[in-house]
Amino acid sequence: MAGNLGKAIKFARSPQGRKVLMEAIRVARSEEGKKLIAQARKVATTPEGKRLLAQAREQAKQFVKTPGTAADEIDRAEAWQKVRDRFNGGKRP
C-alpha cells in the first residue's frame, strides 16, 4: 500500500491536487461541513453504520482487484521481493 500513499502524495503536490485539498479543507471547515462530519461519526458507530462500512470495504477490495490496477502492482512487487529474498539467502525480518 505504500505505492498508493506515494501516489496520493504526488497528486497532492500537483496543482490539481492542491486545488482539491484546498476545496476539501474549505468545505470541512464550514458550518455545514462540521455538521456532516459529526453526523458521519455518529452513524459510523451504530450497527447499521458498521455494516455499511464493511460493505464499502468489500466493494473497495473488489474494485482494487480488477486487472491492471494497484493490486496487480502490489502482487508483482511482492513476487519480486520474494525472488530478491531467495537470492539474498533468506526472508526479511
PDB file of N, CA and C in Angstrom:
ATOM      1  N   MET A   1       0.802  -1.191   0.000  1.00  0.00           N
ATOM      2  CA  MET A   1       0.000   0.000   0.000  1.00  0.00           C
ATOM      3  C   MET A   1       0.854   1.268   0.000  1.00  0.00           C
ATOM      4  N   ALA A   2       2.137   1.112   0.212  1.00  0.00           N
ATOM      5  CA  ALA A   2       2.990   2.298   0.210  1.00  0.00           C
ATOM      6  C   ALA A   2       2.952   2.976  -1.151  1.00  0.00           C
ATOM      7  N   GLY A   3       2.766   2.213  -2.213  1.00  0.00           N
ATOM      8  CA  GLY A   3       2.664   2.789  -3.547  1.00  0.00           C
ATOM      9  C   GLY A   3       1.488   3.729  -3.650  1.00  0.00           C
ATOM     10  N   ASN A   4       0.367   3.342  -3.068  1.00  0.00           N
ATOM     11  CA  ASN A   4      -0.816   4.207  -3.099  1.00  0.00           C
ATOM     12  C   ASN A   4      -0.582   5.490  -2.316  1.00  0.00           C
ATOM     13  N   LEU A   5       0.097   5.384  -1.194  1.00  0.00           N
ATOM     14  CA  LEU A   5       0.404   6.570  -0.403  1.00  0.00           C
ATOM     15  C   LEU A   5       1.318   7.499  -1.192  1.00  0.00           C
ATOM     16  N   GLY A   6       2.290   6.927  -1.866  1.00  0.00           N
ATOM     17  CA  GLY A   6       3.190   7.733  -2.693  1.00  0.00           C
ATOM     18  C   GLY A   6       2.450   8.444  -3.809  1.00  0.00           C
ATOM     19  N   LYS A   7       1.502   7.736  -4.433  1.00  0.00           N
ATOM     20  CA  LYS A   7       0.705   8.349  -5.494  1.00  0.00           C
ATOM     21  C   LYS A   7      -0.148   9.483  -4.943  1.00  0.00           C
ATOM     22  N   ALA A   8      -0.695   9.279  -3.744  1.00  0.00           N
ATOM     23  CA  ALA A   8      -1.520  10.318  -3.123  1.00  0.00           C
ATOM     24  C   ALA A   8      -0.685  11.556  -2.821  1.00  0.00           C
ATOM     25  N   ILE A   9       0.521  11.356  -2.315  1.00  0.00           N
ATOM     26  CA  ILE A   9       1.401  12.490  -2.005  1.00  0.00           C
ATOM     27  C   ILE A   9       1.803  13.207  -3.291  1.00  0.00           C
ATOM     28  N   LYS A  10       2.106  12.434  -4.315  1.00  0.00           N
ATOM     29  CA  LYS A  10       2.485  13.033  -5.598  1.00  0.00           C
ATOM     30  C   LYS A  10       1.329  13.864  -6.154  1.00  0.00           C
ATOM     31  N   PHE A  11       0.097  13.331  -6.071  1.00  0.00           N
ATOM     32  CA  PHE A  11      -1.063  14.071  -6.543  1.00  0.00           C
ATOM     33  C   PHE A  11      -1.280  15.336  -5.709  1.00  0.00           C
ATOM     34  N   ALA A  12      -1.101  15.221  -4.392  1.00  0.00           N
ATOM     35  CA  ALA A  12      -1.319  16.372  -3.514  1.00  0.00           C
ATOM     36  C   ALA A  12      -0.340  17.498  -3.814  1.00  0.00           C
ATOM     37  N   ARG A  13       0.819  17.168  -4.325  1.00  0.00           N
ATOM     38  CA  ARG A  13       1.814  18.197  -4.641  1.00  0.00           C
ATOM     39  C   ARG A  13       1.554  18.858  -5.988  1.00  0.00           C
ATOM     40  N   SER A  14       0.729  18.246  -6.826  1.00  0.00           N
ATOM     41  CA  SER A  14       0.435  18.819  -8.139  1.00  0.00           C
ATOM     42  C   SER A  14      -0.530  19.991  -7.987  1.00  0.00           C
ATOM     43  N   PRO A  15      -0.607  20.868  -8.987  1.00  0.00           N
ATOM     44  CA  PRO A  15      -1.555  21.991  -8.902  1.00  0.00           C
ATOM     45  C   PRO A  15      -3.003  21.534  -8.747  1.00  0.00           C
ATOM     46  N   GLN A  16      -3.395  20.491  -9.465  1.00  0.00           N
ATOM     47  CA  GLN A  16      -4.761  19.982  -9.333  1.00  0.00           C
ATOM     48  C   GLN A  16      -4.999  19.424  -7.941  1.00  0.00           C
ATOM     49  N   GLY A  17      -4.029  18.708  -7.411  1.00  0.00           N
ATOM     50  CA  GLY A  17      -4.152  18.139  -6.075  1.00  0.00           C
ATOM     51  C   GLY A  17      -4.289  19.206  -5.011  1.00  0.00           C
ATOM     52  N   ARG A  18      -3.517  20.287  -5.152  1.00  0.00           N
ATOM     53  CA  ARG A  18      -3.618  21.380  -4.185  1.00  0.00           C
ATOM     54  C   ARG A  18      -5.004  22.014  -4.226  1.00  0.00           C
ATOM     55  N   LYS A  19      -5.567  22.147  -5.425  1.00  0.00           N
ATOM     56  CA  LYS A  19      -6.915  22.717  -5.542  1.00  0.00           C
ATOM     57  C   LYS A  19      -7.942  21.812  -4.861  1.00  0.00           C
ATOM     58  N   VAL A  20      -7.812  20.506  -5.077  1.00  0.00           N
ATOM     59  CA  VAL A  20      -8.746  19.555  -4.468  1.00  0.00           C
ATOM     60  C   VAL A  20      -8.638  19.614  -2.946  1.00  0.00           C
ATOM     61  N   LEU A  21      -7.427  19.614  -2.423  1.00  0.00           N
ATOM     62  CA  LEU A  21      -7.233  19.663  -0.975  1.00  0.00           C
ATOM     63  C   LEU A  21      -7.732  20.971  -0.378  1.00  0.00           C
ATOM     64  N   MET A  22      -7.476  22.080  -1.042  1.00  0.00           N
ATOM     65  CA  MET A  22      -7.949  23.365  -0.522  1.00  0.00           C
ATOM     66  C   MET A  22      -9.477  23.406  -0.478  1.00  0.00           C
ATOM     67  N   GLU A  23     -10.120  22.863  -1.503  1.00  0.00           N
ATOM     68  CA  GLU A  23     -11.574  22.829  -1.528  1.00  0.00           C
ATOM     69  C   GLU A  23     -12.117  21.904  -0.438  1.00  0.00           C
ATOM     70  N   ALA A  24     -11.486  20.749  -0.249  1.00  0.00           N
ATOM     71  CA  ALA A  24     -11.929  19.819   0.788  1.00  0.00           C
ATOM     72  C   ALA A  24     -11.785  20.433   2.180  1.00  0.00           C
ATOM     73  N   ILE A  25     -10.691  21.123   2.418  1.00  0.00           N
ATOM     74  CA  ILE A  25     -10.475  21.770   3.715  1.00  0.00           C
ATOM     75  C   ILE A  25     -11.483  22.892   3.918  1.00  0.00           C
ATOM     76  N   ARG A  26     -11.744  23.663   2.856  1.00  0.00           N
ATOM     77  CA  ARG A  26     -12.706  24.764   2.958  1.00  0.00           C
ATOM     78  C   ARG A  26     -14.092  24.238   3.312  1.00  0.00           C
ATOM     79  N   VAL A  27     -14.510  23.158   2.656  1.00  0.00           N
ATOM     80  CA  VAL A  27     -15.827  22.578   2.919  1.00  0.00           C
ATOM     81  C   VAL A  27     -15.877  21.995   4.330  1.00  0.00           C
ATOM     82  N   ALA A  28     -14.814  21.309   4.742  1.00  0.00           N
ATOM     83  CA  ALA A  28     -14.796  20.688   6.071  1.00  0.00           C
ATOM     84  C   ALA A  28     -14.823  21.723   7.187  1.00  0.00           C
ATOM     85  N   ARG A  29     -14.273  22.894   6.942  1.00  0.00           N
ATOM     86  CA  ARG A  29     -14.251  23.939   7.972  1.00  0.00           C
ATOM     87  C   ARG A  29     -15.552  24.735   8.032  1.00  0.00           C
ATOM     88  N   SER A  30     -16.380  24.609   7.013  1.00  0.00           N
ATOM     89  CA  SER A  30     -17.641  25.353   7.029  1.00  0.00           C
ATOM     90  C   SER A  30     -18.574  24.752   8.082  1.00  0.00           C
ATOM     91  N   GLU A  31     -19.585  25.510   8.437  1.00  0.00           N
ATOM     92  CA  GLU A  31     -20.534  25.052   9.461  1.00  0.00           C
ATOM     93  C   GLU A  31     -21.245  23.782   9.002  1.00  0.00           C
ATOM     94  N   GLU A  32     -21.653  23.764   7.750  1.00  0.00           N
ATOM     95  CA  GLU A  32     -22.339  22.578   7.227  1.00  0.00           C
ATOM     96  C   GLU A  32     -21.404  21.371   7.178  1.00  0.00           C
ATOM     97  N   GLY A  33     -20.145  21.610   6.821  1.00  0.00           N
ATOM     98  CA  GLY A  33     -19.175  20.526   6.798  1.00  0.00           C
ATOM     99  C   GLY A  33     -18.950  19.932   8.169  1.00  0.00           C
ATOM    100  N   LYS A  34     -18.875  20.787   9.177  1.00  0.00           N
ATOM    101  CA  LYS A  34     -18.704  20.306  10.550  1.00  0.00           C
ATOM    102  C   LYS A  34     -19.897  19.469  10.985  1.00  0.00           C
ATOM    103  N   LYS A  35     -21.103  19.898  10.596  1.00  0.00           N
ATOM    104  CA  LYS A  35     -22.300  19.127  10.926  1.00  0.00           C
ATOM    105  C   LYS A  35     -22.289  17.762  10.240  1.00  0.00           C
ATOM    106  N   LEU A  36     -21.883  17.749   8.969  1.00  0.00           N
ATOM    107  CA  LEU A  36     -21.838  16.481   8.236  1.00  0.00           C
ATOM    108  C   LEU A  36     -20.813  15.520   8.824  1.00  0.00           C
ATOM    109  N   ILE A  37     -19.670  16.046   9.216  1.00  0.00           N
ATOM    110  CA  ILE A  37     -18.631  15.197   9.823  1.00  0.00           C
ATOM    111  C   ILE A  37     -19.121  14.631  11.144  1.00  0.00           C
ATOM    112  N   ALA A  38     -19.772  15.463  11.955  1.00  0.00           N
ATOM    113  CA  ALA A  38     -20.314  14.984  13.240  1.00  0.00           C
ATOM    114  C   ALA A  38     -21.375  13.917  13.012  1.00  0.00           C
ATOM    115  N   GLN A  39     -22.231  14.143  12.031  1.00  0.00           N
ATOM    116  CA  GLN A  39     -23.282  13.169  11.730  1.00  0.00           C
ATOM    117  C   GLN A  39     -22.676  11.861  11.235  1.00  0.00           C
ATOM    118  N   ALA A  40     -21.649  11.941  10.399  1.00  0.00           N
ATOM    119  CA  ALA A  40     -20.998  10.733   9.892  1.00  0.00           C
ATOM    120  C   ALA A  40     -20.357   9.941  11.022  1.00  0.00           C
ATOM    121  N   ARG A  41     -19.764  10.629  11.992  1.00  0.00           N
ATOM    122  CA  ARG A  41     -19.161   9.942  13.141  1.00  0.00           C
ATOM    123  C   ARG A  41     -20.217   9.210  13.957  1.00  0.00           C
ATOM    124  N   LYS A  42     -21.366   9.853  14.153  1.00  0.00           N
ATOM    125  CA  LYS A  42     -22.441   9.217  14.917  1.00  0.00           C
ATOM    126  C   LYS A  42     -22.967   7.989  14.191  1.00  0.00           C
ATOM    127  N   VAL A  43     -23.182   8.105  12.898  1.00  0.00           N
ATOM    128  CA  VAL A  43     -23.724   6.992  12.115  1.00  0.00           C
ATOM    129  C   VAL A  43     -22.722   5.848  12.050  1.00  0.00           C
ATOM    130  N   ALA A  44     -21.430   6.161  11.970  1.00  0.00           N
ATOM    131  CA  ALA A  44     -20.406   5.128  11.836  1.00  0.00           C
ATOM    132  C   ALA A  44     -20.338   4.223  13.060  1.00  0.00           C
ATOM    133  N   THR A  45     -20.769   4.710  14.213  1.00  0.00           N
ATOM    134  CA  THR A  45     -20.683   3.894  15.428  1.00  0.00           C
ATOM    135  C   THR A  45     -21.919   3.025  15.648  1.00  0.00           C
ATOM    136  N   THR A  46     -22.970   3.230  14.865  1.00  0.00           N
ATOM    137  CA  THR A  46     -24.172   2.412  15.006  1.00  0.00           C
ATOM    138  C   THR A  46     -23.977   1.076  14.300  1.00  0.00           C
ATOM    139  N   PRO A  47     -24.759   0.053  14.651  1.00  0.00           N
ATOM    140  CA  PRO A  47     -24.643  -1.238  13.954  1.00  0.00           C
ATOM    141  C   PRO A  47     -24.884  -1.108  12.445  1.00  0.00           C
ATOM    142  N   GLU A  48     -25.851  -0.288  12.080  1.00  0.00           N
ATOM    143  CA  GLU A  48     -26.131  -0.067  10.649  1.00  0.00           C
ATOM    144  C   GLU A  48     -24.930   0.578   9.959  1.00  0.00           C
ATOM    145  N   GLY A  49     -24.321   1.557  10.630  1.00  0.00           N
ATOM    146  CA  GLY A  49     -23.150   2.220  10.072  1.00  0.00           C
ATOM    147  C   GLY A  49     -21.977   1.269   9.922  1.00  0.00           C
ATOM    148  N   LYS A  50     -21.778   0.410  10.907  1.00  0.00           N
ATOM    149  CA  LYS A  50     -20.690  -0.567  10.831  1.00  0.00           C
ATOM    150  C   LYS A  50     -20.909  -1.538   9.679  1.00  0.00           C
ATOM    151  N   ARG A  51     -22.173  -1.924   9.470  1.00  0.00           N
ATOM    152  CA  ARG A  51     -22.495  -2.825   8.364  1.00  0.00           C
ATOM    153  C   ARG A  51     -22.220  -2.137   7.024  1.00  0.00           C
ATOM    154  N   LEU A  52     -22.602  -0.875   6.914  1.00  0.00           N
ATOM    155  CA  LEU A  52     -22.360  -0.133   5.681  1.00  0.00           C
ATOM    156  C   LEU A  52     -20.869   0.055   5.414  1.00  0.00           C
ATOM    157  N   LEU A  53     -20.108   0.323   6.467  1.00  0.00           N
ATOM    158  CA  LEU A  53     -18.661   0.452   6.304  1.00  0.00           C
ATOM    159  C   LEU A  53     -18.031  -0.864   5.855  1.00  0.00           C
ATOM    160  N   ALA A  54     -18.503  -1.981   6.405  1.00  0.00           N
ATOM    161  CA  ALA A  54     -17.985  -3.287   5.993  1.00  0.00           C
ATOM    162  C   ALA A  54     -18.306  -3.555   4.523  1.00  0.00           C
ATOM    163  N   GLN A  55     -19.513  -3.205   4.108  1.00  0.00           N
ATOM    164  CA  GLN A  55     -19.874  -3.372   2.698  1.00  0.00           C
ATOM    165  C   GLN A  55     -18.996  -2.500   1.804  1.00  0.00           C
ATOM    166  N   ALA A  56     -18.731  -1.279   2.229  1.00  0.00           N
ATOM    167  CA  ALA A  56     -17.892  -0.377   1.445  1.00  0.00           C
ATOM    168  C   ALA A  56     -16.472  -0.924   1.322  1.00  0.00           C
ATOM    169  N   ARG A  57     -15.958  -1.509   2.410  1.00  0.00           N
ATOM    170  CA  ARG A  57     -14.614  -2.105   2.355  1.00  0.00           C
ATOM    171  C   ARG A  57     -14.573  -3.250   1.347  1.00  0.00           C
ATOM    172  N   GLU A  58     -15.596  -4.096   1.364  1.00  0.00           N
ATOM    173  CA  GLU A  58     -15.641  -5.223   0.428  1.00  0.00           C
ATOM    174  C   GLU A  58     -15.720  -4.725  -1.014  1.00  0.00           C
ATOM    175  N   GLN A  59     -16.525  -3.702  -1.249  1.00  0.00           N
ATOM    176  CA  GLN A  59     -16.620  -3.139  -2.592  1.00  0.00           C
ATOM    177  C   GLN A  59     -15.274  -2.559  -3.032  1.00  0.00           C
ATOM    178  N   ALA A  60     -14.587  -1.904  -2.116  1.00  0.00           N
ATOM    179  CA  ALA A  60     -13.281  -1.326  -2.446  1.00  0.00           C
ATOM    180  C   ALA A  60     -12.275  -2.414  -2.772  1.00  0.00           C
ATOM    181  N   LYS A  61     -12.321  -3.524  -2.041  1.00  0.00           N
ATOM    182  CA  LYS A  61     -11.412  -4.638  -2.311  1.00  0.00           C
ATOM    183  C   LYS A  61     -11.668  -5.204  -3.697  1.00  0.00           C
ATOM    184  N   GLN A  62     -12.924  -5.356  -4.071  1.00  0.00           N
ATOM    185  CA  GLN A  62     -13.259  -5.879  -5.390  1.00  0.00           C
ATOM    186  C   GLN A  62     -12.824  -4.912  -6.476  1.00  0.00           C
ATOM    187  N   PHE A  63     -12.967  -3.624  -6.222  1.00  0.00           N
ATOM    188  CA  PHE A  63     -12.564  -2.620  -7.194  1.00  0.00           C
ATOM    189  C   PHE A  63     -11.056  -2.646  -7.404  1.00  0.00           C
ATOM    190  N   VAL A  64     -10.305  -2.796  -6.330  1.00  0.00           N
ATOM    191  CA  VAL A  64      -8.843  -2.794  -6.414  1.00  0.00           C
ATOM    192  C   VAL A  64      -8.333  -4.054  -7.100  1.00  0.00           C
ATOM    193  N   LYS A  65      -9.069  -5.160  -7.005  1.00  0.00           N
ATOM    194  CA  LYS A  65      -8.611  -6.427  -7.567  1.00  0.00           C
ATOM    195  C   LYS A  65      -8.773  -6.507  -9.081  1.00  0.00           C
ATOM    196  N   THR A  66      -9.348  -5.504  -9.740  1.00  0.00           N
ATOM    197  CA  THR A  66      -9.507  -5.570 -11.184  1.00  0.00           C
ATOM    198  C   THR A  66      -8.139  -5.559 -11.847  1.00  0.00           C
ATOM    199  N   PRO A  67      -8.000  -6.249 -12.982  1.00  0.00           N
ATOM    200  CA  PRO A  67      -6.693  -6.341 -13.652  1.00  0.00           C
ATOM    201  C   PRO A  67      -6.167  -4.968 -14.065  1.00  0.00           C
ATOM    202  N   GLY A  68      -4.857  -4.833 -13.938  1.00  0.00           N
ATOM    203  CA  GLY A  68      -4.207  -3.605 -14.359  1.00  0.00           C
ATOM    204  C   GLY A  68      -4.245  -2.482 -13.339  1.00  0.00           C
ATOM    205  N   THR A  69      -4.590  -2.775 -12.103  1.00  0.00           N
ATOM    206  CA  THR A  69      -4.662  -1.721 -11.085  1.00  0.00           C
ATOM    207  C   THR A  69      -3.542  -1.897 -10.079  1.00  0.00           C
ATOM    208  N   ALA A  70      -3.637  -1.158  -9.012  1.00  0.00           N
ATOM    209  CA  ALA A  70      -2.598  -1.153  -7.985  1.00  0.00           C
ATOM    210  C   ALA A  70      -2.427  -2.530  -7.344  1.00  0.00           C
ATOM    211  N   ALA A  71      -3.505  -3.328  -7.266  1.00  0.00           N
ATOM    212  CA  ALA A  71      -3.400  -4.656  -6.654  1.00  0.00           C
ATOM    213  C   ALA A  71      -2.423  -5.528  -7.446  1.00  0.00           C
ATOM    214  N   ASP A  72      -2.487  -5.439  -8.777  1.00  0.00           N
ATOM    215  CA  ASP A  72      -1.544  -6.193  -9.604  1.00  0.00           C
ATOM    216  C   ASP A  72      -0.121  -5.715  -9.364  1.00  0.00           C
ATOM    217  N   GLU A  73       0.044  -4.411  -9.237  1.00  0.00           N
ATOM    218  CA  GLU A  73       1.373  -3.868  -8.974  1.00  0.00           C
ATOM    219  C   GLU A  73       1.908  -4.357  -7.633  1.00  0.00           C
ATOM    220  N   ILE A  74       1.051  -4.414  -6.640  1.00  0.00           N
ATOM    221  CA  ILE A  74       1.460  -4.885  -5.312  1.00  0.00           C
ATOM    222  C   ILE A  74       1.847  -6.347  -5.377  1.00  0.00           C
ATOM    223  N   ASP A  75       1.024  -7.169  -6.048  1.00  0.00           N
ATOM    224  CA  ASP A  75       1.336  -8.592  -6.183  1.00  0.00           C
ATOM    225  C   ASP A  75       2.665  -8.793  -6.910  1.00  0.00           C
ATOM    226  N   ARG A  76       2.880  -8.007  -7.957  1.00  0.00           N
ATOM    227  CA  ARG A  76       4.115  -8.112  -8.726  1.00  0.00           C
ATOM    228  C   ARG A  76       5.306  -7.704  -7.858  1.00  0.00           C
ATOM    229  N   ALA A  77       5.152  -6.642  -7.073  1.00  0.00           N
ATOM    230  CA  ALA A  77       6.235  -6.186  -6.202  1.00  0.00           C
ATOM    231  C   ALA A  77       6.558  -7.239  -5.142  1.00  0.00           C
ATOM    232  N   GLU A  78       5.512  -7.868  -4.584  1.00  0.00           N
ATOM    233  CA  GLU A  78       5.739  -8.913  -3.583  1.00  0.00           C
ATOM    234  C   GLU A  78       6.456 -10.109  -4.196  1.00  0.00           C
ATOM    235  N   ALA A  79       6.086 -10.466  -5.420  1.00  0.00           N
ATOM    236  CA  ALA A  79       6.739 -11.593  -6.094  1.00  0.00           C
ATOM    237  C   ALA A  79       8.220 -11.288  -6.318  1.00  0.00           C
ATOM    238  N   TRP A  80       8.518 -10.073  -6.767  1.00  0.00           N
ATOM    239  CA  TRP A  80       9.919  -9.705  -6.979  1.00  0.00           C
ATOM    240  C   TRP A  80      10.680  -9.668  -5.658  1.00  0.00           C
ATOM    241  N   GLN A  81      10.034  -9.247  -4.597  1.00  0.00           N
ATOM    242  CA  GLN A  81      10.689  -9.221  -3.296  1.00  0.00           C
ATOM    243  C   GLN A  81      11.027 -10.636  -2.836  1.00  0.00           C
ATOM    244  N   LYS A  82      10.151 -11.588  -3.099  1.00  0.00           N
ATOM    245  CA  LYS A  82      10.420 -12.981  -2.746  1.00  0.00           C
ATOM    246  C   LYS A  82      11.629 -13.503  -3.507  1.00  0.00           C
ATOM    247  N   VAL A  83      11.728 -13.133  -4.780  1.00  0.00           N
ATOM    248  CA  VAL A  83      12.894 -13.550  -5.574  1.00  0.00           C
ATOM    249  C   VAL A  83      14.161 -12.937  -4.991  1.00  0.00           C
ATOM    250  N   ARG A  84      14.103 -11.644  -4.658  1.00  0.00           N
ATOM    251  CA  ARG A  84      15.276 -10.990  -4.065  1.00  0.00           C
ATOM    252  C   ARG A  84      15.668 -11.648  -2.743  1.00  0.00           C
ATOM    253  N   ASP A  85      14.664 -12.004  -1.948  1.00  0.00           N
ATOM    254  CA  ASP A  85      14.939 -12.652  -0.668  1.00  0.00           C
ATOM    255  C   ASP A  85      15.641 -13.989  -0.869  1.00  0.00           C
ATOM    256  N   ARG A  86      15.207 -14.748  -1.862  1.00  0.00           N
ATOM    257  CA  ARG A  86      15.843 -16.038  -2.131  1.00  0.00           C
ATOM    258  C   ARG A  86      17.307 -15.856  -2.512  1.00  0.00           C
ATOM    259  N   PHE A  87      17.598 -14.841  -3.319  1.00  0.00           N
ATOM    260  CA  PHE A  87      18.978 -14.608  -3.732  1.00  0.00           C
ATOM    261  C   PHE A  87      19.823 -14.071  -2.585  1.00  0.00           C
ATOM    262  N   ASN A  88      19.215 -13.375  -1.654  1.00  0.00           N
ATOM    263  CA  ASN A  88      19.955 -12.810  -0.531  1.00  0.00           C
ATOM    264  C   ASN A  88      20.102 -13.804   0.625  1.00  0.00           C
ATOM    265  N   GLY A  89      19.567 -14.985   0.490  1.00  0.00           N
ATOM    266  CA  GLY A  89      19.778 -16.021   1.494  1.00  0.00           C
ATOM    267  C   GLY A  89      18.739 -16.097   2.580  1.00  0.00           C
ATOM    268  N   GLY A  90      17.581 -15.584   2.385  1.00  0.00           N
ATOM    269  CA  GLY A  90      16.544 -15.721   3.396  1.00  0.00           C
ATOM    270  C   GLY A  90      15.496 -14.644   3.322  1.00  0.00           C
ATOM    271  N   LYS A  91      14.566 -14.757   4.216  1.00  0.00           N
ATOM    272  CA  LYS A  91      13.475 -13.794   4.223  1.00  0.00           C
ATOM    273  C   LYS A  91      13.857 -12.560   5.014  1.00  0.00           C
ATOM    274  N   ARG A  92      13.097 -11.472   4.739  1.00  0.00           N
ATOM    275  CA  ARG A  92      13.311 -10.241   5.506  1.00  0.00           C
ATOM    276  C   ARG A  92      12.731 -10.431   6.898  1.00  0.00           C
ATOM    277  N   PRO A  93      13.260  -9.695   7.885  1.00  0.00           N
ATOM    278  CA  PRO A  93      12.713  -9.809   9.257  1.00  0.00           C
ATOM    279  C   PRO A  93      11.333  -9.218   9.366  1.00  0.00           C
TER     280      PRO A  93
END
